[in-house]
Amino acid sequence: MASFDLSGRTALVTGSSRGLGRAIVEGLAAAGARVIVNGVDAARIHSAVGELRAAGHNAEGVAFDVTSEASILAAFEKFDADGVRIDILVNNAGIQVRKPLVEFSTADWRRVIETNLTSAFVIGREAAKRMIARGHGKIINIGSLGSEMARPTVGPYTAAKGGVRNLTRAMAVEWAQHGIQANAIGPGYMLTDMNQALIENAEFNSWLMSRIPSKRWGKPDELVGAAVFLASPASDYVNGQIIYVDGGMSAAM
């Protein structure tokens, strides 16, 4: 399975000390990649890196806030100074704030957009500058079912994830000529801390089970196959696409 081998590649996964990002970083490491764990909590990053190394993986950590352009630029400057080449970027960091649109403050709207969408642009831009110079690279943006459809109380998130879908397309059409593939993964309803309130809501859970053909929540490690595929040579002619990992929900009426 050489087409899926990530040996010799370095992957930066934002927001990867826990949740979906942690599952993805573990999957990329298991496929042979050197992985860089990111977040804002240095202690949590240290713990994640220690666990990855204990499992025999090549891992390190870098703490920076994905909403701070200055911190992003400083991180990439340090990568350059240390000779670290980011071959694979996974823009995973994200937040959720749930309330009706008429109750959303502009500050909360901006916080969701900055974390979920603007960060993918800024980090993607900095990674792409280096990838263009080397003539290859993989960018994987984490979208959502919200990239295609909406439901009440998550308006800013839906707007951001719809933006991620089209940002991915924009990256593909501009950077494909430089040997870069930019694609996205759209997770469905996954068993994560961010969804804990929904998981514990019996009424919501009943509605969800009526909508998902698979009749269950997704597990974070079920994103790994799509992530490894999009990070590997197996996807070298796949560009500008979003793969939904949603138990069939986006296909159901």
C-alpha atoms as a PDB file:
ATOM      1  CA  MET A   1       0.000   0.000   0.000  1.00  0.00           C
ATOM      2  CA  ALA A   2       2.805   2.387  -0.903  1.00  0.00           C
ATOM      3  CA  SER A   3       0.329   4.951  -2.256  1.00  0.00           C
ATOM      4  CA  PHE A   4      -0.910   5.534   1.304  1.00  0.00           C
ATOM      5  CA  ASP A   5       2.505   5.605   2.973  1.00  0.00           C
ATOM      6  CA  LEU A   6       3.290   8.937   4.659  1.00  0.00           C
ATOM      7  CA  SER A   7       6.837   8.107   5.678  1.00  0.00           C
ATOM      8  CA  GLY A   8       9.150  11.092   5.306  1.00  0.00           C
ATOM      9  CA  ARG A   9       6.245  13.576   5.384  1.00  0.00           C
ATOM     10  CA  THR A  10       5.595  16.130   8.121  1.00  0.00           C
ATOM     11  CA  ALA A  11       1.996  16.938   9.044  1.00  0.00           C
ATOM     12  CA  LEU A  12       0.726  19.918  11.049  1.00  0.00           C
ATOM     13  CA  VAL A  13      -2.777  19.389  12.432  1.00  0.00           C
ATOM     14  CA  THR A  14      -4.367  22.397  14.131  1.00  0.00           C
ATOM     15  CA  GLY A  15      -6.509  21.849  17.201  1.00  0.00           C
ATOM     16  CA  SER A  16      -5.140  18.334  17.576  1.00  0.00           C
ATOM     17  CA  SER A  17      -4.561  17.842  21.286  1.00  0.00           C
ATOM     18  CA  ARG A  18      -8.045  16.279  21.607  1.00  0.00           C
ATOM     19  CA  GLY A  19     -11.229  15.437  19.703  1.00  0.00           C
ATOM     20  CA  LEU A  20     -11.311  15.006  15.945  1.00  0.00           C
ATOM     21  CA  GLY A  21      -7.869  16.574  15.540  1.00  0.00           C
ATOM     22  CA  ARG A  22      -6.344  14.078  17.962  1.00  0.00           C
ATOM     23  CA  ALA A  23      -7.844  11.154  16.028  1.00  0.00           C
ATOM     24  CA  ILE A  24      -6.522  12.565  12.756  1.00  0.00           C
ATOM     25  CA  VAL A  25      -3.026  13.210  14.096  1.00  0.00           C
ATOM     26  CA  GLU A  26      -2.869   9.659  15.441  1.00  0.00           C
ATOM     27  CA  GLY A  27      -3.997   8.276  12.087  1.00  0.00           C
ATOM     28  CA  LEU A  28      -1.419  10.262  10.117  1.00  0.00           C
ATOM     29  CA  ALA A  29       1.297   9.187  12.548  1.00  0.00           C
ATOM     30  CA  ALA A  30       0.286   5.542  12.189  1.00  0.00           C
ATOM     31  CA  ALA A  31       0.628   5.947   8.406  1.00  0.00           C
ATOM     32  CA  GLY A  32       4.246   7.020   8.915  1.00  0.00           C
ATOM     33  CA  ALA A  33       4.093  10.807   9.106  1.00  0.00           C
ATOM     34  CA  ARG A  34       6.029  12.951  11.516  1.00  0.00           C
ATOM     35  CA  VAL A  35       3.221  14.868  13.239  1.00  0.00           C
ATOM     36  CA  ILE A  36       3.025  18.274  14.882  1.00  0.00           C
ATOM     37  CA  VAL A  37       0.308  18.631  17.506  1.00  0.00           C
ATOM     38  CA  ASN A  38      -1.178  22.119  17.851  1.00  0.00           C
ATOM     39  CA  GLY A  39      -3.447  23.885  20.322  1.00  0.00           C
ATOM     40  CA  VAL A  40      -3.416  26.700  22.851  1.00  0.00           C
ATOM     41  CA  ASP A  41      -3.063  24.564  25.997  1.00  0.00           C
ATOM     42  CA  ALA A  42       0.634  23.748  26.343  1.00  0.00           C
ATOM     43  CA  ALA A  43       0.023  21.100  29.015  1.00  0.00           C
ATOM     44  CA  ARG A  44      -2.521  19.260  26.872  1.00  0.00           C
ATOM     45  CA  ILE A  45      -0.147  19.379  23.875  1.00  0.00           C
ATOM     46  CA  HIS A  46       2.683  18.006  26.013  1.00  0.00           C
ATOM     47  CA  SER A  47       0.476  15.151  27.175  1.00  0.00           C
ATOM     48  CA  ALA A  48      -0.672  14.309  23.629  1.00  0.00           C
ATOM     49  CA  VAL A  49       2.891  14.347  22.291  1.00  0.00           C
ATOM     50  CA  GLY A  50       4.029  12.098  25.135  1.00  0.00           C
ATOM     51  CA  GLU A  51       1.289   9.565  24.397  1.00  0.00           C
ATOM     52  CA  LEU A  52       2.087   9.580  20.680  1.00  0.00           C
ATOM     53  CA  ARG A  53       5.793   9.043  21.340  1.00  0.00           C
ATOM     54  CA  ALA A  54       5.010   6.260  23.803  1.00  0.00           C
ATOM     55  CA  ALA A  55       3.084   4.563  20.994  1.00  0.00           C
ATOM     56  CA  GLY A  56       6.217   4.717  18.841  1.00  0.00           C
ATOM     57  CA  HIS A  57       5.293   7.713  16.708  1.00  0.00           C
ATOM     58  CA  ASN A  58       7.433  10.677  15.637  1.00  0.00           C
ATOM     59  CA  ALA A  59       5.641  13.608  17.246  1.00  0.00           C
ATOM     60  CA  GLU A  60       6.248  17.106  18.530  1.00  0.00           C
ATOM     61  CA  GLY A  61       4.066  20.007  19.585  1.00  0.00           C
ATOM     62  CA  VAL A  62       3.647  23.690  18.887  1.00  0.00           C
ATOM     63  CA  ALA A  63       1.313  25.990  20.792  1.00  0.00           C
ATOM     64  CA  PHE A  64      -0.243  28.921  18.988  1.00  0.00           C
ATOM     65  CA  ASP A  65      -3.654  30.544  18.750  1.00  0.00           C
ATOM     66  CA  VAL A  66      -5.099  30.004  15.260  1.00  0.00           C
ATOM     67  CA  THR A  67      -6.954  33.331  15.535  1.00  0.00           C
ATOM     68  CA  SER A  68      -3.711  35.265  16.037  1.00  0.00           C
ATOM     69  CA  GLU A  69      -1.983  36.066  12.747  1.00  0.00           C
ATOM     70  CA  ALA A  70       1.133  37.198  14.594  1.00  0.00           C
ATOM     71  CA  SER A  71       1.353  33.841  16.386  1.00  0.00           C
ATOM     72  CA  ILE A  72       0.850  31.946  13.121  1.00  0.00           C
ATOM     73  CA  LEU A  73       3.577  33.917  11.372  1.00  0.00           C
ATOM     74  CA  ALA A  74       5.935  33.377  14.303  1.00  0.00           C
ATOM     75  CA  ALA A  75       5.267  29.630  14.245  1.00  0.00           C
ATOM     76  CA  PHE A  76       6.052  29.349  10.541  1.00  0.00           C
ATOM     77  CA  GLU A  77       9.173  31.471  10.924  1.00  0.00           C
ATOM     78  CA  LYS A  78      10.347  29.051  13.614  1.00  0.00           C
ATOM     79  CA  PHE A  79       9.549  26.089  11.343  1.00  0.00           C
ATOM     80  CA  ASP A  80      11.728  27.726   8.689  1.00  0.00           C
ATOM     81  CA  ALA A  81      14.558  28.423  11.137  1.00  0.00           C
ATOM     82  CA  ASP A  82      14.443  24.838  12.430  1.00  0.00           C
ATOM     83  CA  GLY A  83      14.332  23.328   8.946  1.00  0.00           C
ATOM     84  CA  VAL A  84      10.819  21.924   9.452  1.00  0.00           C
ATOM     85  CA  ARG A  85       8.948  21.486   6.162  1.00  0.00           C
ATOM     86  CA  ILE A  86       5.181  21.162   6.423  1.00  0.00           C
ATOM     87  CA  ASP A  87       4.178  18.689   3.708  1.00  0.00           C
ATOM     88  CA  ILE A  88       0.649  18.124   5.008  1.00  0.00           C
ATOM     89  CA  LEU A  89      -1.562  20.736   6.664  1.00  0.00           C
ATOM     90  CA  VAL A  90      -4.850  19.811   8.310  1.00  0.00           C
ATOM     91  CA  ASN A  91      -6.911  22.876   9.249  1.00  0.00           C
ATOM     92  CA  ASN A  92      -9.010  21.299  11.988  1.00  0.00           C
ATOM     93  CA  ALA A  93      -9.270  23.915  14.753  1.00  0.00           C
ATOM     94  CA  GLY A  94     -12.832  25.038  15.348  1.00  0.00           C
ATOM     95  CA  ILE A  95     -15.419  26.139  17.885  1.00  0.00           C
ATOM     96  CA  GLN A  96     -19.200  26.060  18.156  1.00  0.00           C
ATOM     97  CA  VAL A  97     -21.574  28.576  19.765  1.00  0.00           C
ATOM     98  CA  ARG A  98     -25.265  27.673  19.742  1.00  0.00           C
ATOM     99  CA  LYS A  99     -28.028  30.279  19.931  1.00  0.00           C
ATOM    100  CA  PRO A 100     -30.646  31.813  17.604  1.00  0.00           C
ATOM    101  CA  LEU A 101     -29.242  34.261  15.061  1.00  0.00           C
ATOM    102  CA  VAL A 102     -31.238  37.165  16.512  1.00  0.00           C
ATOM    103  CA  GLU A 103     -29.480  36.583  19.846  1.00  0.00           C
ATOM    104  CA  PHE A 104     -25.957  36.388  18.416  1.00  0.00           C
ATOM    105  CA  SER A 105     -23.637  39.245  19.298  1.00  0.00           C
ATOM    106  CA  THR A 106     -21.358  40.480  16.551  1.00  0.00           C
ATOM    107  CA  ALA A 107     -18.410  39.555  18.770  1.00  0.00           C
ATOM    108  CA  ASP A 108     -19.526  35.919  18.973  1.00  0.00           C
ATOM    109  CA  TRP A 109     -20.186  35.843  15.216  1.00  0.00           C
ATOM    110  CA  ARG A 110     -16.664  37.075  14.541  1.00  0.00           C
ATOM    111  CA  ARG A 111     -15.139  34.621  17.019  1.00  0.00           C
ATOM    112  CA  VAL A 112     -16.738  31.651  15.250  1.00  0.00           C
ATOM    113  CA  ILE A 113     -15.802  32.918  11.774  1.00  0.00           C
ATOM    114  CA  GLU A 114     -12.235  33.759  12.799  1.00  0.00           C
ATOM    115  CA  THR A 115     -11.635  30.372  14.419  1.00  0.00           C
ATOM    116  CA  ASN A 116     -13.333  28.151  11.841  1.00  0.00           C
ATOM    117  CA  LEU A 117     -12.707  29.980   8.558  1.00  0.00           C
ATOM    118  CA  THR A 118     -10.186  32.813   8.725  1.00  0.00           C
ATOM    119  CA  SER A 119      -7.632  30.624  10.480  1.00  0.00           C
ATOM    120  CA  ALA A 120      -7.811  28.101   7.624  1.00  0.00           C
ATOM    121  CA  PHE A 121      -7.046  30.899   5.167  1.00  0.00           C
ATOM    122  CA  VAL A 122      -4.132  32.404   7.120  1.00  0.00           C
ATOM    123  CA  ILE A 123      -2.477  29.100   8.041  1.00  0.00           C
ATOM    124  CA  GLY A 124      -3.198  27.713   4.574  1.00  0.00           C
ATOM    125  CA  ARG A 125      -1.614  30.761   2.966  1.00  0.00           C
ATOM    126  CA  GLU A 126       1.561  30.453   5.025  1.00  0.00           C
ATOM    127  CA  ALA A 127       1.839  26.706   4.388  1.00  0.00           C
ATOM    128  CA  ALA A 128       1.157  27.165   0.663  1.00  0.00           C
ATOM    129  CA  LYS A 129       3.906  29.756   0.266  1.00  0.00           C
ATOM    130  CA  ARG A 130       6.419  27.094   1.313  1.00  0.00           C
ATOM    131  CA  MET A 131       4.698  24.280  -0.588  1.00  0.00           C
ATOM    132  CA  ILE A 132       4.722  26.311  -3.813  1.00  0.00           C
ATOM    133  CA  ALA A 133       8.475  26.795  -3.501  1.00  0.00           C
ATOM    134  CA  ARG A 134       8.941  23.019  -3.110  1.00  0.00           C
ATOM    135  CA  GLY A 135       6.418  22.044  -5.794  1.00  0.00           C
ATOM    136  CA  HIS A 136       4.206  19.795  -3.676  1.00  0.00           C
ATOM    137  CA  GLY A 137       1.900  19.755  -0.657  1.00  0.00           C
ATOM    138  CA  LYS A 138      -1.378  18.552   0.786  1.00  0.00           C
ATOM    139  CA  ILE A 139      -3.944  20.804   2.466  1.00  0.00           C
ATOM    140  CA  ILE A 140      -6.953  19.248   4.182  1.00  0.00           C
ATOM    141  CA  ASN A 141      -9.596  21.586   5.548  1.00  0.00           C
ATOM    142  CA  ILE A 142     -12.161  20.245   8.000  1.00  0.00           C
ATOM    143  CA  GLY A 143     -15.623  21.236   6.888  1.00  0.00           C
ATOM    144  CA  SER A 144     -18.918  19.850   8.157  1.00  0.00           C
ATOM    145  CA  LEU A 145     -22.398  18.810   7.172  1.00  0.00           C
ATOM    146  CA  GLY A 146     -22.919  22.526   7.778  1.00  0.00           C
ATOM    147  CA  SER A 147     -20.864  23.156   4.642  1.00  0.00           C
ATOM    148  CA  GLU A 148     -23.977  22.136   2.685  1.00  0.00           C
ATOM    149  CA  MET A 149     -26.991  22.554   4.965  1.00  0.00           C
ATOM    150  CA  ALA A 150     -28.211  24.482   7.975  1.00  0.00           C
ATOM    151  CA  ARG A 151     -30.158  23.883  11.146  1.00  0.00           C
ATOM    152  CA  PRO A 152     -31.346  26.342  13.812  1.00  0.00           C
ATOM    153  CA  THR A 153     -28.922  27.888  16.343  1.00  0.00           C
ATOM    154  CA  VAL A 154     -25.660  27.305  14.446  1.00  0.00           C
ATOM    155  CA  GLY A 155     -25.791  30.106  11.862  1.00  0.00           C
ATOM    156  CA  PRO A 156     -22.221  31.421  12.200  1.00  0.00           C
ATOM    157  CA  TYR A 157     -20.827  27.871  12.189  1.00  0.00           C
ATOM    158  CA  THR A 158     -22.788  27.052   9.030  1.00  0.00           C
ATOM    159  CA  ALA A 159     -21.555  30.245   7.376  1.00  0.00           C
ATOM    160  CA  ALA A 160     -17.969  29.449   8.347  1.00  0.00           C
ATOM    161  CA  LYS A 161     -18.094  25.833   7.187  1.00  0.00           C
ATOM    162  CA  GLY A 162     -19.748  26.818   3.917  1.00  0.00           C
ATOM    163  CA  GLY A 163     -16.842  29.202   3.532  1.00  0.00           C
ATOM    164  CA  VAL A 164     -14.382  26.375   4.229  1.00  0.00           C
ATOM    165  CA  ARG A 165     -15.895  24.385   1.360  1.00  0.00           C
ATOM    166  CA  ASN A 166     -15.421  27.216  -1.125  1.00  0.00           C
ATOM    167  CA  LEU A 167     -12.065  28.290   0.311  1.00  0.00           C
ATOM    168  CA  THR A 168     -10.923  24.737  -0.425  1.00  0.00           C
ATOM    169  CA  ARG A 169     -12.034  25.131  -4.040  1.00  0.00           C
ATOM    170  CA  ALA A 170     -10.255  28.483  -4.301  1.00  0.00           C
ATOM    171  CA  MET A 171      -7.051  26.967  -2.951  1.00  0.00           C
ATOM    172  CA  ALA A 172      -7.309  24.113  -5.445  1.00  0.00           C
ATOM    173  CA  VAL A 173      -7.805  26.265  -8.524  1.00  0.00           C
ATOM    174  CA  GLU A 174      -4.943  28.605  -7.602  1.00  0.00           C
ATOM    175  CA  TRP A 175      -2.408  26.123  -6.254  1.00  0.00           C
ATOM    176  CA  ALA A 176      -2.973  22.906  -8.250  1.00  0.00           C
ATOM    177  CA  GLN A 177      -0.471  24.102 -10.865  1.00  0.00           C
ATOM    178  CA  HIS A 178       2.186  24.091  -8.128  1.00  0.00           C
ATOM    179  CA  GLY A 179       1.646  20.436  -7.196  1.00  0.00           C
ATOM    180  CA  ILE A 180      -0.623  21.181  -4.233  1.00  0.00           C
ATOM    181  CA  GLN A 181      -3.861  19.321  -3.572  1.00  0.00           C
ATOM    182  CA  ALA A 182      -6.426  21.104  -1.382  1.00  0.00           C
ATOM    183  CA  ASN A 183      -9.417  19.073  -0.284  1.00  0.00           C
ATOM    184  CA  ALA A 184     -11.812  18.943   2.641  1.00  0.00           C
ATOM    185  CA  ILE A 185     -13.469  16.439   4.936  1.00  0.00           C
ATOM    186  CA  GLY A 186     -17.043  17.030   6.085  1.00  0.00           C
ATOM    187  CA  PRO A 187     -17.678  15.145   9.332  1.00  0.00           C
ATOM    188  CA  GLY A 188     -21.254  14.357  10.286  1.00  0.00           C
ATOM    189  CA  TYR A 189     -22.422  14.150  13.886  1.00  0.00           C
ATOM    190  CA  MET A 190     -19.437  12.789  15.797  1.00  0.00           C
ATOM    191  CA  LEU A 191     -18.941  11.676  19.402  1.00  0.00           C
ATOM    192  CA  THR A 192     -16.867  14.657  20.617  1.00  0.00           C
ATOM    193  CA  ASP A 193     -16.803  17.010  23.578  1.00  0.00           C
ATOM    194  CA  MET A 194     -18.172  19.789  21.356  1.00  0.00           C
ATOM    195  CA  ASN A 195     -21.324  17.724  20.766  1.00  0.00           C
ATOM    196  CA  GLN A 196     -21.752  16.496  24.346  1.00  0.00           C
ATOM    197  CA  ALA A 197     -24.878  18.582  25.004  1.00  0.00           C
ATOM    198  CA  LEU A 198     -26.512  17.153  21.877  1.00  0.00           C
ATOM    199  CA  ILE A 199     -25.428  13.608  22.702  1.00  0.00           C
ATOM    200  CA  GLU A 200     -27.159  13.902  26.080  1.00  0.00           C
ATOM    201  CA  ASN A 201     -30.323  15.471  24.607  1.00  0.00           C
ATOM    202  CA  ALA A 202     -32.807  12.608  24.159  1.00  0.00           C
ATOM    203  CA  GLU A 203     -35.106  14.593  21.863  1.00  0.00           C
ATOM    204  CA  PHE A 204     -32.252  15.646  19.573  1.00  0.00           C
ATOM    205  CA  ASN A 205     -30.776  12.158  19.584  1.00  0.00           C
ATOM    206  CA  SER A 206     -34.132  10.676  18.542  1.00  0.00           C
ATOM    207  CA  TRP A 207     -34.396  13.165  15.668  1.00  0.00           C
ATOM    208  CA  LEU A 208     -30.820  12.448  14.593  1.00  0.00           C
ATOM    209  CA  MET A 209     -31.310   8.685  14.538  1.00  0.00           C
ATOM    210  CA  SER A 210     -34.301   9.235  12.232  1.00  0.00           C
ATOM    211  CA  ARG A 211     -32.104  11.206   9.834  1.00  0.00           C
ATOM    212  CA  ILE A 212     -28.874   9.167   9.698  1.00  0.00           C
ATOM    213  CA  PRO A 213     -29.088   6.064   7.512  1.00  0.00           C
ATOM    214  CA  SER A 214     -26.375   4.420   9.652  1.00  0.00           C
ATOM    215  CA  LYS A 215     -28.521   5.001  12.780  1.00  0.00           C
ATOM    216  CA  ARG A 216     -25.587   5.986  14.995  1.00  0.00           C
ATOM    217  CA  TRP A 217     -23.181   8.766  15.846  1.00  0.00           C
ATOM    218  CA  GLY A 218     -19.787   8.746  14.142  1.00  0.00           C
ATOM    219  CA  LYS A 219     -16.550   7.975  15.964  1.00  0.00           C
ATOM    220  CA  PRO A 220     -13.595  10.381  15.630  1.00  0.00           C
ATOM    221  CA  ASP A 221     -11.274   7.650  14.336  1.00  0.00           C
ATOM    222  CA  GLU A 222     -13.663   7.076  11.421  1.00  0.00           C
ATOM    223  CA  LEU A 223     -12.207  10.239   9.863  1.00  0.00           C
ATOM    224  CA  VAL A 224      -8.749   8.689   9.660  1.00  0.00           C
ATOM    225  CA  GLY A 225      -9.227   6.819   6.383  1.00  0.00           C
ATOM    226  CA  ALA A 226     -10.298   9.953   4.534  1.00  0.00           C
ATOM    227  CA  ALA A 227      -7.490  11.978   6.124  1.00  0.00           C
ATOM    228  CA  VAL A 228      -4.766   9.478   5.213  1.00  0.00           C
ATOM    229  CA  PHE A 229      -6.136   9.203   1.661  1.00  0.00           C
ATOM    230  CA  LEU A 230      -6.156  12.981   1.148  1.00  0.00           C
ATOM    231  CA  ALA A 231      -2.697  13.334   2.727  1.00  0.00           C
ATOM    232  CA  SER A 232      -1.121  10.595   0.610  1.00  0.00           C
ATOM    233  CA  PRO A 233       0.051  10.125  -2.992  1.00  0.00           C
ATOM    234  CA  ALA A 234      -3.137   8.098  -3.555  1.00  0.00           C
ATOM    235  CA  SER A 235      -5.014  11.404  -3.934  1.00  0.00           C
ATOM    236  CA  ASP A 236      -2.548  13.249  -6.170  1.00  0.00           C
ATOM    237  CA  TYR A 237      -5.216  13.899  -8.842  1.00  0.00           C
ATOM    238  CA  VAL A 238      -8.006  14.692  -6.381  1.00  0.00           C
ATOM    239  CA  ASN A 239      -8.408  18.420  -5.886  1.00  0.00           C
ATOM    240  CA  GLY A 240     -11.031  20.860  -4.641  1.00  0.00           C
ATOM    241  CA  GLN A 241     -13.302  18.138  -3.261  1.00  0.00           C
ATOM    242  CA  ILE A 242     -15.108  17.631   0.035  1.00  0.00           C
ATOM    243  CA  ILE A 243     -15.606  14.089   1.313  1.00  0.00           C
ATOM    244  CA  TYR A 244     -18.530  13.708   3.704  1.00  0.00           C
ATOM    245  CA  VAL A 245     -17.980  11.221   6.512  1.00  0.00           C
ATOM    246  CA  ASP A 246     -21.509  11.320   7.865  1.00  0.00           C
ATOM    247  CA  GLY A 247     -23.090   7.872   7.885  1.00  0.00           C
ATOM    248  CA  GLY A 248     -25.018   8.801   4.745  1.00  0.00           C
ATOM    249  CA  MET A 249     -26.870  11.773   6.265  1.00  0.00           C
ATOM    250  CA  SER A 250     -26.064  14.175   3.421  1.00  0.00           C
ATOM    251  CA  ALA A 251     -27.513  11.674   0.929  1.00  0.00           C
ATOM    252  CA  ALA A 252     -30.855  11.213   2.733  1.00  0.00           C
ATOM    253  CA  MET A 253     -34.111  13.108   2.295  1.00  0.00           C
END
